[in-house]
Amino acid sequence: MAVIDCHHHVWWVAKRPHHFPPAWGTSLNRDFTPDDLFPELRAAGIDGTVLVQSMDNYDETLEYLDLADTTPFIRAVVGWIPLADPAACARALDALGGQTKFVGMRHLINFEPDPRWLLQPGVQASLDMLRQRRLVLEVIPNTEPQMASVLEAARRMPDLPVVLNHLGRPPVPEGGWEPWASQIAQAAALPNVSVKLSLGGDVVWRWKWSTEALRRYSDHVLSHFGADRVMAGSNWPVVLLSGGFQQVWRGIEDLVSGLTAAERAAVMGGTAEEVYGLR
């Protein structure tokens, strides 16, 4: 099996500037390109990656797909399409139909004021289009009500693959546990849900990487989901707020070191190959 980093971004600030929270500082306000990432991948022994949208913007998705065509290590793209407008969603999906590296989409529901945004009728109609095309839905649920809506959406469409980003946002900095732990168990009961072994910006900006501090959260996810529904992701460059790429990737390897060889291979690449159809 290949080793796959299932979650990273790239951006050029002059082309499409981000507006990160002031509390994050300014270190991410520069270009992060495939040329910057490639040496890190090579040093870590990573064979390929999944490039994930960094903003809810269709033009970025098109740029990412063009980039994937000229960057051999980018095996797939998780982009963005307008779920709230079913007609526009249908047009976008039709336009992307010939893009073999387009494997799914993510909407940043963590920025939506309505925690039940995914359950709105228009959004549900668009999700059904994803389901019919066997595309993946990715989400970052930041609150208990948001996670509840993700679980309800997954229940309504059991053949829609749903990927929880960043361990479902565990309360790592504060050392918390509930309600995250119970909702992870609920998510694991849904066979169409899988999880990324990674951490999001809302966690890493206020927490320095500690493999040991993360272990009980990753162990909880692995024990409920199993290795065949968990996949390793760096979340580069956002994770640089917390630690270096090699530190983070070696930490992820350490977190799965107690698994069998087959299970480790699944988390470090096999699950991503299966979920995104990369084989």
Protein backbone atom coordinates (compact mmCIF):
# COMPACT_ATOMS: atom_id res chain seq x y z
CA MET A 1 0.00 0.00 0.00
CA ALA A 2 1.10 3.55 -0.66
CA VAL A 3 1.68 6.03 2.15
CA ILE A 4 -0.84 8.85 1.73
CA ASP A 5 -1.11 12.21 3.47
CA CYS A 6 -4.88 12.55 3.20
CA HIS A 7 -5.13 16.23 4.13
CA HIS A 8 -3.10 19.27 3.12
CA HIS A 9 -3.54 22.65 1.47
CA VAL A 10 -1.61 25.04 -0.75
CA TRP A 11 -2.13 28.73 -1.41
CA TRP A 12 -0.69 31.86 -2.94
CA VAL A 13 -1.62 34.95 -0.94
CA ALA A 14 -1.49 37.33 -3.91
CA LYS A 15 -3.96 35.17 -5.83
CA ARG A 16 -6.45 34.26 -3.09
CA PRO A 17 -5.69 35.74 0.34
CA HIS A 18 -6.90 34.05 3.48
CA HIS A 19 -8.27 35.87 6.49
CA PHE A 20 -7.08 33.82 9.43
CA PRO A 21 -8.20 34.76 12.95
CA PRO A 22 -5.85 37.38 14.43
CA ALA A 23 -5.16 35.05 17.36
CA TRP A 24 -3.41 32.66 14.96
CA GLY A 25 -0.66 35.21 14.30
CA THR A 26 0.82 35.94 10.89
CA SER A 27 2.98 32.90 10.13
CA LEU A 28 0.45 31.45 7.67
CA ASN A 29 0.16 34.70 5.72
CA ARG A 30 2.62 33.66 3.00
CA ASP A 31 2.69 31.32 0.04
CA PHE A 32 2.69 27.57 0.67
CA THR A 33 3.28 25.69 -2.56
CA PRO A 34 3.81 22.11 -3.77
CA ASP A 35 7.51 22.91 -4.07
CA ASP A 36 7.54 23.73 -0.34
CA LEU A 37 5.75 20.51 0.56
CA PHE A 38 7.62 18.05 -1.67
CA PRO A 39 10.84 17.87 0.41
CA GLU A 40 8.77 17.17 3.52
CA LEU A 41 6.90 14.35 1.79
CA ARG A 42 10.12 12.81 0.52
CA ALA A 43 11.77 12.98 3.96
CA ALA A 44 8.72 11.33 5.56
CA GLY A 45 8.43 8.58 2.95
CA ILE A 46 5.01 9.74 1.74
CA ASP A 47 4.02 8.58 -1.75
CA GLY A 48 1.01 10.77 -2.47
CA THR A 49 -1.45 13.28 -1.03
CA VAL A 50 -5.04 14.48 -1.06
CA LEU A 51 -5.29 18.24 -1.60
CA VAL A 52 -8.23 19.71 0.33
CA GLN A 53 -10.01 23.01 -0.22
CA SER A 54 -8.96 25.84 2.07
CA MET A 55 -11.94 28.13 1.45
CA ASP A 56 -15.50 27.83 0.20
CA ASN A 57 -14.65 29.00 -3.30
CA TYR A 58 -15.29 27.17 -6.58
CA ASP A 59 -12.48 28.95 -8.42
CA GLU A 60 -10.01 27.54 -5.90
CA THR A 61 -11.33 24.05 -6.70
CA LEU A 62 -10.64 24.56 -10.40
CA GLU A 63 -7.15 25.84 -9.62
CA TYR A 64 -6.47 22.85 -7.37
CA LEU A 65 -7.54 20.44 -10.11
CA ASP A 66 -5.26 22.15 -12.63
CA LEU A 67 -2.46 21.91 -10.08
CA ALA A 68 -3.14 18.21 -9.50
CA ASP A 69 -2.75 17.57 -13.23
CA THR A 70 0.81 18.92 -13.13
CA THR A 71 1.87 17.72 -9.67
CA PRO A 72 2.43 13.96 -9.59
CA PHE A 73 2.20 13.54 -5.81
CA ILE A 74 -1.32 15.06 -5.63
CA ARG A 75 -3.43 11.94 -6.09
CA ALA A 76 -6.84 13.53 -5.47
CA VAL A 77 -8.63 16.80 -4.76
CA VAL A 78 -11.41 17.44 -2.23
CA GLY A 79 -12.83 20.72 -3.49
CA TRP A 80 -15.87 22.92 -2.86
CA ILE A 81 -19.19 23.25 -4.64
CA PRO A 82 -22.26 25.34 -3.66
CA LEU A 83 -24.38 22.89 -1.66
CA ALA A 84 -26.86 25.56 -0.58
CA ASP A 85 -27.97 26.07 -4.20
CA PRO A 86 -28.99 22.71 -5.73
CA ALA A 87 -29.15 24.09 -9.27
CA ALA A 88 -25.67 25.60 -9.03
CA CYS A 89 -24.45 22.41 -7.37
CA ALA A 90 -25.76 20.33 -10.28
CA ARG A 91 -24.03 22.60 -12.80
CA ALA A 92 -20.75 22.38 -10.92
CA LEU A 93 -20.93 18.60 -10.63
CA ASP A 94 -21.69 18.29 -14.34
CA ALA A 95 -18.73 20.51 -15.16
CA LEU A 96 -16.44 18.45 -12.92
CA GLY A 97 -17.69 15.13 -14.23
CA GLY A 98 -14.60 14.56 -16.36
CA GLN A 99 -12.16 15.40 -13.59
CA THR A 100 -10.93 12.03 -12.38
CA LYS A 101 -9.01 13.53 -9.46
CA PHE A 102 -12.11 15.26 -8.09
CA VAL A 103 -13.14 12.80 -5.37
CA GLY A 104 -15.37 14.85 -3.10
CA MET A 105 -16.06 18.18 -1.48
CA ARG A 106 -15.87 19.96 1.84
CA HIS A 107 -17.95 22.84 3.09
CA LEU A 108 -16.68 24.72 6.14
CA ILE A 109 -19.78 24.16 8.25
CA ASN A 110 -17.85 25.40 11.28
CA PHE A 111 -18.40 28.92 9.93
CA GLU A 112 -22.15 28.48 9.38
CA PRO A 113 -24.27 30.14 12.11
CA ASP A 114 -26.98 27.49 11.74
CA PRO A 115 -25.71 24.27 13.37
CA ARG A 116 -28.28 22.32 11.31
CA TRP A 117 -27.07 23.80 8.02
CA LEU A 118 -26.40 20.35 6.53
CA LEU A 119 -30.04 19.39 7.14
CA GLN A 120 -31.57 22.30 5.23
CA PRO A 121 -33.72 21.01 2.31
CA GLY A 122 -31.59 22.61 -0.40
CA VAL A 123 -28.36 21.27 1.08
CA GLN A 124 -29.93 17.82 1.45
CA ALA A 125 -30.87 17.85 -2.24
CA SER A 126 -27.26 18.68 -3.13
CA LEU A 127 -25.92 15.97 -0.83
CA ASP A 128 -28.11 13.48 -2.67
CA MET A 129 -26.32 14.49 -5.89
CA LEU A 130 -23.00 13.72 -4.24
CA ARG A 131 -24.38 10.38 -3.11
CA GLN A 132 -25.53 9.49 -6.61
CA ARG A 133 -22.06 10.29 -8.00
CA ARG A 134 -20.28 8.38 -5.21
CA LEU A 135 -18.44 11.50 -4.10
CA VAL A 136 -17.22 12.10 -0.55
CA LEU A 137 -18.55 14.73 1.85
CA GLU A 138 -15.98 16.15 4.29
CA VAL A 139 -16.79 18.28 7.32
CA ILE A 140 -15.22 19.92 10.37
CA PRO A 141 -17.84 19.89 13.14
CA ASN A 142 -16.68 22.30 15.84
CA THR A 143 -19.62 22.07 18.24
CA GLU A 144 -21.86 19.37 19.67
CA PRO A 145 -24.92 20.55 17.64
CA GLN A 146 -22.85 20.64 14.43
CA MET A 147 -21.63 17.09 15.04
CA ALA A 148 -25.20 16.01 15.71
CA SER A 149 -26.28 17.41 12.33
CA VAL A 150 -23.40 15.60 10.59
CA LEU A 151 -24.47 12.32 12.18
CA GLU A 152 -28.09 12.89 11.16
CA ALA A 153 -27.04 13.65 7.57
CA ALA A 154 -24.99 10.44 7.51
CA ARG A 155 -27.95 8.44 8.85
CA ARG A 156 -30.28 9.84 6.21
CA MET A 157 -27.92 8.83 3.38
CA PRO A 158 -26.16 5.65 4.44
CA ASP A 159 -24.43 5.27 1.07
CA LEU A 160 -22.95 8.80 1.14
CA PRO A 161 -19.30 8.56 2.32
CA VAL A 162 -18.77 11.10 5.11
CA VAL A 163 -15.30 11.98 6.39
CA LEU A 164 -14.87 13.74 9.72
CA ASN A 165 -11.82 15.97 9.52
CA HIS A 166 -9.30 16.35 12.33
CA LEU A 167 -10.52 13.58 14.68
CA GLY A 168 -13.90 15.27 14.89
CA ARG A 169 -12.34 18.21 16.75
CA PRO A 170 -11.30 16.69 20.12
CA PRO A 171 -10.89 19.16 23.03
CA VAL A 172 -7.14 18.55 23.20
CA PRO A 173 -5.89 21.94 24.46
CA GLU A 174 -8.21 21.90 27.46
CA GLY A 175 -7.79 18.16 28.08
CA GLY A 176 -11.55 17.64 27.76
CA TRP A 177 -13.44 14.50 26.83
CA GLU A 178 -17.23 14.78 26.63
CA PRO A 179 -19.37 15.26 24.60
CA TRP A 180 -16.71 14.57 21.95
CA ALA A 181 -16.05 10.99 23.08
CA SER A 182 -19.71 9.95 23.05
CA GLN A 183 -20.33 11.54 19.65
CA ILE A 184 -17.29 9.74 18.22
CA ALA A 185 -18.83 6.47 19.39
CA GLN A 186 -22.12 7.45 17.75
CA ALA A 187 -20.32 8.30 14.52
CA ALA A 188 -18.49 4.98 14.55
CA ALA A 189 -21.84 3.18 14.59
CA LEU A 190 -22.49 4.59 11.09
CA PRO A 191 -20.60 2.47 8.52
CA ASN A 192 -20.41 5.30 5.97
CA VAL A 193 -18.43 7.60 8.31
CA SER A 194 -14.63 7.65 8.51
CA VAL A 195 -12.18 9.92 10.32
CA LYS A 196 -8.93 11.73 9.59
CA LEU A 197 -6.13 11.33 12.12
CA SER A 198 -5.17 14.99 11.99
CA LEU A 199 -5.75 18.22 13.90
CA GLY A 200 -7.42 21.45 12.82
CA GLY A 201 -6.42 25.07 13.10
CA ASP A 202 -8.80 25.81 15.96
CA VAL A 203 -6.81 23.30 18.04
CA VAL A 204 -3.22 23.75 16.90
CA TRP A 205 -3.02 27.53 17.19
CA ARG A 206 -3.30 27.24 20.98
CA TRP A 207 -1.54 23.93 21.56
CA LYS A 208 2.01 22.75 20.90
CA TRP A 209 2.20 19.32 19.35
CA SER A 210 2.45 16.53 21.92
CA THR A 211 2.05 12.98 20.69
CA GLU A 212 1.43 11.71 24.20
CA ALA A 213 -1.27 14.31 24.91
CA LEU A 214 -3.02 13.28 21.68
CA ARG A 215 -2.75 9.53 22.24
CA ARG A 216 -5.91 8.98 24.29
CA TYR A 217 -7.96 10.80 21.65
CA SER A 218 -6.50 8.84 18.74
CA ASP A 219 -6.80 5.58 20.70
CA HIS A 220 -10.49 6.32 21.33
CA VAL A 221 -11.10 6.94 17.63
CA LEU A 222 -9.14 3.87 16.53
CA SER A 223 -10.85 1.61 19.05
CA HIS A 224 -14.30 2.62 17.81
CA PHE A 225 -13.72 3.04 14.08
CA GLY A 226 -10.99 0.51 13.44
CA ALA A 227 -8.00 1.14 11.22
CA ASP A 228 -9.96 0.64 8.01
CA ARG A 229 -11.96 3.83 8.69
CA VAL A 230 -9.13 6.05 9.98
CA MET A 231 -6.59 7.82 7.75
CA ALA A 232 -3.49 9.89 8.47
CA GLY A 233 -3.34 13.55 7.46
CA SER A 234 -0.85 16.30 8.21
CA ASN A 235 -3.08 19.36 7.69
CA TRP A 236 0.00 21.16 6.36
CA PRO A 237 0.60 24.07 6.49
CA VAL A 238 -1.96 24.88 9.21
CA VAL A 239 -0.37 22.35 11.57
CA LEU A 240 2.85 24.37 11.46
CA LEU A 241 1.21 26.55 14.11
CA SER A 242 1.76 23.61 16.46
CA GLY A 243 4.80 21.71 15.20
CA GLY A 244 7.02 20.90 12.23
CA PHE A 245 5.88 18.56 9.47
CA GLN A 246 8.31 15.79 10.37
CA GLN A 247 7.46 16.06 14.07
CA VAL A 248 3.75 15.75 13.29
CA TRP A 249 4.07 12.90 10.81
CA ARG A 250 6.41 10.91 13.05
CA GLY A 251 3.96 11.56 15.87
CA ILE A 252 1.12 10.08 13.82
CA GLU A 253 3.30 7.05 13.08
CA ASP A 254 3.93 6.69 16.80
CA LEU A 255 0.21 6.91 17.57
CA VAL A 256 -0.44 3.85 15.39
CA SER A 257 2.72 1.95 16.35
CA GLY A 258 0.79 -0.46 18.57
CA LEU A 259 -1.42 -1.65 15.72
CA THR A 260 -0.72 -4.67 13.56
CA ALA A 261 1.28 -4.16 10.37
CA ALA A 262 -1.89 -4.42 8.28
CA GLU A 263 -3.69 -1.90 10.47
CA ARG A 264 -0.79 0.56 10.33
CA ALA A 265 -0.72 0.25 6.55
CA ALA A 266 -4.44 1.03 6.44
CA VAL A 267 -4.20 4.19 8.56
CA MET A 268 -1.07 5.41 6.78
CA GLY A 269 -2.52 5.03 3.30
CA GLY A 270 -4.83 2.10 2.66
CA THR A 271 -7.95 3.73 4.11
CA ALA A 272 -7.41 6.85 2.01
CA GLU A 273 -6.93 4.72 -1.10
CA GLU A 274 -10.20 2.96 -0.36
CA VAL A 275 -12.29 6.00 0.62
CA TYR A 276 -11.13 8.12 -2.31
CA GLY A 277 -10.85 5.30 -4.86
CA LEU A 278 -7.14 5.84 -5.46
CA ARG A 279 -6.15 2.22 -6.17
